[in-house]
Amino acid sequence: MKLTKHQKLLLLEAWERYTRFGKGKKLTEAWTGLGSMSVYKPCLSAGLMTYATSPNPGYTTWWKLTPKGAEIVQKWLDAGMNFQQIEQDNHLA
């Protein structure tokens, strides 16, 4: 799947939250995003992320990866991606 720049940035944020705070949980169960629906709409619309908590229009909401989004993030985890690569490489997806 070809990701938009915005989708890629949100999935990179999910990767970062998971590697820092989500270890021991399944990728699809960890809360890996925090923000408004307008920010997460590109991933929500593409089926990459969904609500982790009840929708809260106009306020921040926690988000989690769907199986489709988790598949992309898992590829990055399997490849041993690290924070230095994120800063240097813009071709991860």
C-alpha atoms as a PDB file:
ATOM      1  CA  MET A   1       0.000   0.000   0.000  1.00  0.00           C
ATOM      2  CA  LYS A   2       1.286   3.429  -0.899  1.00  0.00           C
ATOM      3  CA  LEU A   3       0.984   5.740   2.102  1.00  0.00           C
ATOM      4  CA  THR A   4       0.452   9.467   1.952  1.00  0.00           C
ATOM      5  CA  LYS A   5       2.986  11.587   3.824  1.00  0.00           C
ATOM      6  CA  HIS A   6       0.418  12.277   6.561  1.00  0.00           C
ATOM      7  CA  GLN A   7      -0.455   8.576   6.947  1.00  0.00           C
ATOM      8  CA  LYS A   8       3.212   7.676   7.119  1.00  0.00           C
ATOM      9  CA  LEU A   9       3.863  10.258   9.826  1.00  0.00           C
ATOM     10  CA  LEU A  10       0.944   8.967  11.904  1.00  0.00           C
ATOM     11  CA  LEU A  11       2.107   5.356  11.533  1.00  0.00           C
ATOM     12  CA  LEU A  12       5.637   6.413  12.494  1.00  0.00           C
ATOM     13  CA  GLU A  13       4.158   8.004  15.602  1.00  0.00           C
ATOM     14  CA  ALA A  14       2.335   4.722  16.285  1.00  0.00           C
ATOM     15  CA  TRP A  15       5.612   2.814  15.824  1.00  0.00           C
ATOM     16  CA  GLU A  16       7.345   5.170  18.262  1.00  0.00           C
ATOM     17  CA  ARG A  17       4.614   4.940  20.916  1.00  0.00           C
ATOM     18  CA  TYR A  18       4.563   1.166  20.594  1.00  0.00           C
ATOM     19  CA  THR A  19       8.334   0.763  20.903  1.00  0.00           C
ATOM     20  CA  ARG A  20       8.424   3.075  23.937  1.00  0.00           C
ATOM     21  CA  PHE A  21       5.218   2.205  25.777  1.00  0.00           C
ATOM     22  CA  GLY A  22       3.410  -0.726  24.165  1.00  0.00           C
ATOM     23  CA  LYS A  23       5.794  -3.624  24.547  1.00  0.00           C
ATOM     24  CA  GLY A  24       4.049  -6.750  25.756  1.00  0.00           C
ATOM     25  CA  LYS A  25       0.783  -5.804  24.038  1.00  0.00           C
ATOM     26  CA  LYS A  26      -0.412  -6.790  20.600  1.00  0.00           C
ATOM     27  CA  LEU A  27       0.067  -4.045  18.028  1.00  0.00           C
ATOM     28  CA  THR A  28      -3.678  -3.857  17.509  1.00  0.00           C
ATOM     29  CA  GLU A  29      -4.386  -3.471  21.236  1.00  0.00           C
ATOM     30  CA  ALA A  30      -1.821  -0.825  22.210  1.00  0.00           C
ATOM     31  CA  TRP A  31      -2.931   2.805  22.263  1.00  0.00           C
ATOM     32  CA  THR A  32      -0.526   4.193  19.684  1.00  0.00           C
ATOM     33  CA  GLY A  33      -1.975   7.568  18.738  1.00  0.00           C
ATOM     34  CA  LEU A  34      -3.350  10.615  20.496  1.00  0.00           C
ATOM     35  CA  GLY A  35      -5.049  13.447  18.675  1.00  0.00           C
ATOM     36  CA  SER A  36      -8.179  14.817  17.118  1.00  0.00           C
ATOM     37  CA  MET A  37     -10.271  13.088  14.484  1.00  0.00           C
ATOM     38  CA  SER A  38      -9.238  15.706  11.923  1.00  0.00           C
ATOM     39  CA  VAL A  39      -5.586  14.754  12.452  1.00  0.00           C
ATOM     40  CA  TYR A  40      -6.214  10.993  12.310  1.00  0.00           C
ATOM     41  CA  LYS A  41      -8.815  11.055   9.526  1.00  0.00           C
ATOM     42  CA  PRO A  42      -6.324   9.974   6.807  1.00  0.00           C
ATOM     43  CA  CYS A  43      -5.538   6.769   8.732  1.00  0.00           C
ATOM     44  CA  LEU A  44      -9.128   6.248   9.866  1.00  0.00           C
ATOM     45  CA  SER A  45     -10.457   6.591   6.313  1.00  0.00           C
ATOM     46  CA  ALA A  46      -7.815   4.207   4.934  1.00  0.00           C
ATOM     47  CA  GLY A  47      -8.533   1.586   7.613  1.00  0.00           C
ATOM     48  CA  LEU A  48      -5.061   1.909   9.151  1.00  0.00           C
ATOM     49  CA  MET A  49      -6.168   3.109  12.597  1.00  0.00           C
ATOM     50  CA  THR A  50      -9.342   3.121  14.661  1.00  0.00           C
ATOM     51  CA  TYR A  51     -10.574   4.451  17.983  1.00  0.00           C
ATOM     52  CA  ALA A  52      -8.949   3.070  21.127  1.00  0.00           C
ATOM     53  CA  THR A  53     -11.390   5.041  23.291  1.00  0.00           C
ATOM     54  CA  SER A  54     -14.842   6.441  22.633  1.00  0.00           C
ATOM     55  CA  PRO A  55     -14.849   9.151  19.955  1.00  0.00           C
ATOM     56  CA  ASN A  56     -14.666  12.580  21.516  1.00  0.00           C
ATOM     57  CA  PRO A  57     -15.420  15.124  18.753  1.00  0.00           C
ATOM     58  CA  GLY A  58     -13.565  18.377  19.189  1.00  0.00           C
ATOM     59  CA  TYR A  59     -11.126  16.870  21.704  1.00  0.00           C
ATOM     60  CA  THR A  60      -8.186  14.500  21.646  1.00  0.00           C
ATOM     61  CA  THR A  61      -8.918  10.812  21.336  1.00  0.00           C
ATOM     62  CA  TRP A  62      -6.697   7.758  21.742  1.00  0.00           C
ATOM     63  CA  TRP A  63      -6.181   5.671  18.586  1.00  0.00           C
ATOM     64  CA  LYS A  64      -4.928   2.172  17.865  1.00  0.00           C
ATOM     65  CA  LEU A  65      -3.749   0.298  14.806  1.00  0.00           C
ATOM     66  CA  THR A  66      -6.090  -1.895  12.792  1.00  0.00           C
ATOM     67  CA  PRO A  67      -4.738  -5.193  11.432  1.00  0.00           C
ATOM     68  CA  LYS A  68      -3.988  -3.349   8.162  1.00  0.00           C
ATOM     69  CA  GLY A  69      -2.004  -0.620   9.959  1.00  0.00           C
ATOM     70  CA  ALA A  70      -0.336  -3.122  12.272  1.00  0.00           C
ATOM     71  CA  GLU A  71       0.923  -5.074   9.255  1.00  0.00           C
ATOM     72  CA  ILE A  72       2.862  -2.013   8.062  1.00  0.00           C
ATOM     73  CA  VAL A  73       4.251  -1.203  11.506  1.00  0.00           C
ATOM     74  CA  GLN A  74       5.174  -4.868  12.061  1.00  0.00           C
ATOM     75  CA  LYS A  75       7.273  -4.807   8.877  1.00  0.00           C
ATOM     76  CA  TRP A  76       9.209  -1.871  10.317  1.00  0.00           C
ATOM     77  CA  LEU A  77       9.657  -3.712  13.631  1.00  0.00           C
ATOM     78  CA  ASP A  78      10.803  -6.882  11.841  1.00  0.00           C
ATOM     79  CA  ALA A  79      13.303  -4.838   9.827  1.00  0.00           C
ATOM     80  CA  GLY A  80      14.808  -3.553  13.084  1.00  0.00           C
ATOM     81  CA  MET A  81      13.958   0.056  12.314  1.00  0.00           C
ATOM     82  CA  ASN A  82      15.377   2.524  14.833  1.00  0.00           C
ATOM     83  CA  PHE A  83      15.001   6.210  15.646  1.00  0.00           C
ATOM     84  CA  GLN A  84      18.081   7.190  13.646  1.00  0.00           C
ATOM     85  CA  GLN A  85      16.557   5.630  10.515  1.00  0.00           C
ATOM     86  CA  ILE A  86      13.384   7.612  10.988  1.00  0.00           C
ATOM     87  CA  GLU A  87      15.378  10.828  11.028  1.00  0.00           C
ATOM     88  CA  GLN A  88      17.501   9.855   8.031  1.00  0.00           C
ATOM     89  CA  ASP A  89      15.235   7.760   5.818  1.00  0.00           C
ATOM     90  CA  ASN A  90      12.064   9.028   4.212  1.00  0.00           C
ATOM     91  CA  HIS A  91      11.354   5.798   2.273  1.00  0.00           C
ATOM     92  CA  LEU A  92      10.207   3.348   4.946  1.00  0.00           C
ATOM     93  CA  ALA A  93       6.762   2.522   3.545  1.00  0.00           C
END
